[in-house]
Amino acid sequence: MNIRSPICFLAVALAVSPLSVAAQHAPAEGRLAQLYAARPPAGSAFVRVVNPGTAAQKVAVGNGAEQNVGPAQRATRYAIVEGGKPFNLRVAGAVRSQPAVAAGSFTTLVLNPAGAGRPLQAIADGAGTTDALKAEIRFYNLAGSCPQAKLAMAGNGPVVFNAVAAGAGTARAINPVKARLVGSCATHDSAAFELPVLQPGDRYSLFLTGTGSAPVLQGLPATTDPVGR
């Protein structure tokens, strides 16, 4: 019997092959819990902040709780704000008004490493996959002097995302799978990052920071503030 190599299996999984065993046997209770979970008010939008710099900052979006973002934890949770209306953002104790975002949208705001008072870049994340039996990974190129970034499996494995422009993000749905990933700028690779085993419905964000000559790949689950916060 032929046994596929781990790299081959992962390549097939990332190519969105037939459902994995984990996805096929996802607990019905988990899917029902998602179905009946409390939902945000109609017209809500979702906003988070990413800090690609080397110094941590305290950040709060709208009525969301203050969170530390920086090298150890690159992004806040998505805060729930009212779509179509400006909202407040607090960075390092300073309050600033942010332009309105569309109802139903997901947006990532990127802090300027040059200073907390500088303008923030907005990246539209989109609503993501609607397939509850798949997971989603989203990759952001936030490395300095890196015009295009690549995400691939470690050990010269298959490419997951290619030619992602500076300051941009991209996403894809995948079958739940475990993998070691590397981010690259031209010929410079990051250290390998261990992608955790994702469950159906999970959303995971990967951030390439550092510089084009010394890129750093980090990741964290993409979560939303509880309804009512």
Protein backbone atom coordinates (compact mmCIF):
# COMPACT_ATOMS: atom_id res chain seq x y z
CA MET A 1 0.00 0.00 0.00
CA ASN A 2 1.33 3.41 -0.90
CA ILE A 3 1.71 5.83 2.00
CA ARG A 4 1.81 9.49 1.07
CA SER A 5 4.51 11.65 2.61
CA PRO A 6 3.48 14.32 5.14
CA ILE A 7 4.36 17.07 2.64
CA CYS A 8 2.14 15.50 0.00
CA PHE A 9 -0.74 15.13 2.45
CA LEU A 10 -0.44 18.73 3.57
CA ALA A 11 -0.27 19.98 0.01
CA VAL A 12 -3.49 18.17 -0.82
CA ALA A 13 -5.17 19.50 2.31
CA LEU A 14 -4.18 23.10 1.59
CA ALA A 15 -5.42 22.69 -1.96
CA VAL A 16 -8.87 22.16 -0.45
CA SER A 17 -9.12 18.45 -1.15
CA PRO A 18 -12.00 16.22 0.10
CA LEU A 19 -12.84 16.80 3.75
CA SER A 20 -10.38 15.59 6.35
CA VAL A 21 -11.34 13.08 9.03
CA ALA A 22 -11.46 15.89 11.60
CA ALA A 23 -13.88 17.87 9.48
CA GLN A 24 -16.09 14.87 8.72
CA HIS A 25 -16.45 14.09 12.41
CA ALA A 26 -16.82 17.65 13.75
CA PRO A 27 -19.15 17.44 16.78
CA ALA A 28 -22.76 18.30 15.94
CA GLU A 29 -23.00 20.03 19.31
CA GLY A 30 -20.29 22.51 18.26
CA ARG A 31 -22.13 23.39 15.05
CA LEU A 32 -25.41 23.84 16.93
CA ALA A 33 -23.67 26.06 19.51
CA GLN A 34 -22.45 28.31 16.68
CA LEU A 35 -25.95 28.37 15.18
CA TYR A 36 -27.65 29.52 18.38
CA ALA A 37 -24.86 31.70 19.78
CA ALA A 38 -25.66 35.33 20.60
CA ARG A 39 -25.22 37.54 17.55
CA PRO A 40 -24.11 41.18 17.34
CA PRO A 41 -26.74 43.84 16.57
CA ALA A 42 -27.79 44.32 12.97
CA GLY A 43 -25.53 46.80 11.20
CA SER A 44 -22.43 45.91 13.23
CA ALA A 45 -18.90 45.92 11.83
CA PHE A 46 -15.76 44.28 13.17
CA VAL A 47 -12.42 46.03 13.64
CA ARG A 48 -9.10 44.94 15.12
CA VAL A 49 -5.65 46.51 15.42
CA VAL A 50 -2.29 44.98 14.49
CA ASN A 51 1.01 46.30 15.80
CA PRO A 52 3.93 45.20 13.58
CA GLY A 53 6.46 47.22 15.60
CA THR A 54 8.96 46.13 18.22
CA ALA A 55 7.37 47.98 21.16
CA ALA A 56 4.05 46.88 22.67
CA GLN A 57 1.14 49.35 22.74
CA LYS A 58 -2.09 49.41 24.75
CA VAL A 59 -5.03 49.59 22.34
CA ALA A 60 -8.82 49.68 22.65
CA VAL A 61 -11.30 49.76 19.75
CA GLY A 62 -14.72 51.32 20.30
CA ASN A 63 -16.16 49.96 23.54
CA GLY A 64 -13.80 46.99 23.51
CA ALA A 65 -11.45 46.22 26.37
CA GLU A 66 -7.89 47.57 26.33
CA GLN A 67 -5.37 45.04 25.07
CA ASN A 68 -1.59 44.87 24.73
CA VAL A 69 -0.45 44.40 21.15
CA GLY A 70 3.11 44.06 19.94
CA PRO A 71 5.80 41.44 19.52
CA ALA A 72 4.20 38.87 21.85
CA GLN A 73 0.59 39.32 20.64
CA ARG A 74 0.39 40.96 17.24
CA ALA A 75 -3.32 41.77 17.09
CA THR A 76 -6.34 42.58 19.21
CA ARG A 77 -9.58 40.68 18.97
CA TYR A 78 -12.11 42.03 16.48
CA ALA A 79 -14.14 44.64 18.37
CA ILE A 80 -17.79 45.18 17.48
CA VAL A 81 -18.53 48.72 16.28
CA GLU A 82 -21.53 50.34 14.63
CA GLY A 83 -21.21 50.13 10.87
CA GLY A 84 -21.45 53.33 8.87
CA LYS A 85 -20.45 55.58 11.77
CA PRO A 86 -17.04 56.84 12.99
CA PHE A 87 -15.71 55.13 16.09
CA ASN A 88 -13.08 55.87 18.70
CA LEU A 89 -9.72 54.18 18.92
CA ARG A 90 -7.47 54.51 21.95
CA VAL A 91 -3.73 53.97 21.46
CA ALA A 92 -1.29 54.45 24.34
CA GLY A 93 -3.93 56.48 26.20
CA ALA A 94 -4.65 58.88 23.33
CA VAL A 95 -8.17 58.82 21.84
CA ARG A 96 -8.59 59.34 18.12
CA SER A 97 -11.64 59.14 15.86
CA GLN A 98 -11.56 56.63 13.03
CA PRO A 99 -13.52 56.83 9.77
CA ALA A 100 -16.64 54.72 9.47
CA VAL A 101 -16.46 51.17 8.15
CA ALA A 102 -19.28 49.41 6.34
CA ALA A 103 -21.81 47.34 8.25
CA GLY A 104 -20.95 43.65 8.11
CA SER A 105 -17.31 44.29 7.19
CA PHE A 106 -14.14 43.02 8.88
CA THR A 107 -11.23 45.47 8.98
CA THR A 108 -7.66 45.25 10.29
CA LEU A 109 -6.01 48.55 11.24
CA VAL A 110 -2.21 48.54 11.17
CA LEU A 111 -0.34 50.76 13.61
CA ASN A 112 2.47 52.77 12.09
CA PRO A 113 5.77 51.58 13.66
CA ALA A 114 7.05 55.16 13.39
CA GLY A 115 4.72 56.29 16.17
CA ALA A 116 1.34 55.81 17.83
CA GLY A 117 0.11 59.17 16.54
CA ARG A 118 0.74 58.40 12.87
CA PRO A 119 -2.11 57.44 10.49
CA LEU A 120 -3.27 53.84 10.53
CA GLN A 121 -3.47 51.72 7.41
CA ALA A 122 -6.80 49.92 6.92
CA ILE A 123 -6.91 46.45 5.37
CA ALA A 124 -10.31 45.09 4.33
CA ASP A 125 -10.48 41.49 5.50
CA GLY A 126 -13.75 40.46 3.90
CA ALA A 127 -16.26 38.15 5.54
CA GLY A 128 -14.13 35.03 5.01
CA THR A 129 -15.25 31.49 4.25
CA THR A 130 -18.84 30.46 4.85
CA ASP A 131 -18.01 26.74 4.90
CA ALA A 132 -18.32 25.72 8.56
CA LEU A 133 -16.51 22.44 7.84
CA LYS A 134 -13.30 24.20 6.80
CA ALA A 135 -10.83 26.43 8.58
CA GLU A 136 -9.46 29.72 7.23
CA ILE A 137 -5.95 31.12 7.25
CA ARG A 138 -5.24 34.78 6.45
CA PHE A 139 -1.72 36.06 5.69
CA TYR A 140 -0.52 39.68 5.99
CA ASN A 141 2.67 41.18 4.58
CA LEU A 142 3.62 43.81 7.20
CA ALA A 143 7.41 43.48 6.94
CA GLY A 144 9.38 46.63 6.21
CA SER A 145 10.99 46.89 2.76
CA CYS A 146 9.25 43.75 1.52
CA PRO A 147 7.41 44.59 -1.74
CA GLN A 148 6.14 41.03 -2.10
CA ALA A 149 5.91 38.21 0.44
CA LYS A 150 5.40 34.48 0.14
CA LEU A 151 4.06 31.88 2.56
CA ALA A 152 5.05 28.27 2.00
CA MET A 153 5.46 25.02 3.87
CA ALA A 154 8.84 24.56 5.50
CA GLY A 155 11.47 22.48 3.74
CA ASN A 156 10.83 23.80 0.23
CA GLY A 157 7.23 22.67 0.46
CA PRO A 158 4.24 23.88 -1.56
CA VAL A 159 3.48 27.61 -1.71
CA VAL A 160 0.35 28.65 0.20
CA PHE A 161 0.33 32.36 -0.77
CA ASN A 162 2.57 34.02 -3.34
CA ALA A 163 3.42 37.64 -4.21
CA VAL A 164 1.41 39.27 -1.41
CA ALA A 165 1.95 43.01 -1.72
CA ALA A 166 3.31 45.15 1.10
CA GLY A 167 0.56 46.17 3.50
CA ALA A 168 -1.90 43.65 2.06
CA GLY A 169 -3.60 40.55 3.33
CA THR A 170 -5.07 37.48 1.64
CA ALA A 171 -6.96 34.41 2.80
CA ARG A 172 -8.05 30.92 1.80
CA ALA A 173 -10.19 28.14 3.21
CA ILE A 174 -8.40 24.92 4.09
CA ASN A 175 -9.18 21.56 5.57
CA PRO A 176 -8.15 21.36 9.24
CA VAL A 177 -4.48 20.41 9.11
CA LYS A 178 -1.22 20.86 11.01
CA ALA A 179 1.79 22.32 9.20
CA ARG A 180 5.12 24.14 9.58
CA LEU A 181 5.16 27.36 7.57
CA VAL A 182 7.81 29.84 6.44
CA GLY A 183 7.34 33.44 5.34
CA SER A 184 9.73 34.88 2.75
CA CYS A 185 10.80 38.20 1.27
CA ALA A 186 12.80 37.58 -1.90
CA THR A 187 15.57 35.19 -0.82
CA HIS A 188 15.18 35.80 2.91
CA ASP A 189 13.14 33.31 4.94
CA SER A 190 11.66 33.55 8.41
CA ALA A 191 12.12 30.87 11.01
CA ALA A 192 9.58 28.06 10.63
CA PHE A 193 6.25 28.64 12.38
CA GLU A 194 4.18 25.74 13.69
CA LEU A 195 0.57 26.14 12.60
CA PRO A 196 -1.64 24.66 15.33
CA VAL A 197 -4.19 21.99 14.51
CA LEU A 198 -7.22 23.98 13.39
CA GLN A 199 -10.80 22.84 13.84
CA PRO A 200 -13.67 23.34 11.37
CA GLY A 201 -14.81 26.96 11.54
CA ASP A 202 -11.54 28.24 13.03
CA ARG A 203 -9.94 31.36 11.57
CA TYR A 204 -6.22 31.91 11.99
CA SER A 205 -4.11 34.95 11.11
CA LEU A 206 -0.44 34.90 10.11
CA PHE A 207 1.61 38.11 10.20
CA LEU A 208 4.94 38.65 8.46
CA THR A 209 6.75 41.47 10.27
CA GLY A 210 10.39 42.48 10.76
CA THR A 211 12.20 43.58 7.61
CA GLY A 212 12.69 42.27 4.11
CA SER A 213 16.13 40.98 5.07
CA ALA A 214 15.01 39.55 8.44
CA PRO A 215 11.32 38.60 8.21
CA VAL A 216 9.47 37.24 11.24
CA LEU A 217 6.40 35.01 10.95
CA GLN A 218 3.88 34.88 13.81
CA GLY A 219 0.27 33.85 14.14
CA LEU A 220 -2.79 33.83 16.36
CA PRO A 221 -6.45 32.83 16.23
CA ALA A 222 -8.79 35.48 14.84
CA THR A 223 -11.45 36.00 17.50
CA THR A 224 -14.23 38.51 18.12
CA ASP A 225 -15.20 40.29 21.33
CA PRO A 226 -18.22 38.70 23.03
CA VAL A 227 -21.54 40.25 22.12
CA GLY A 228 -22.55 42.92 24.61
CA ARG A 229 -19.00 44.01 25.56
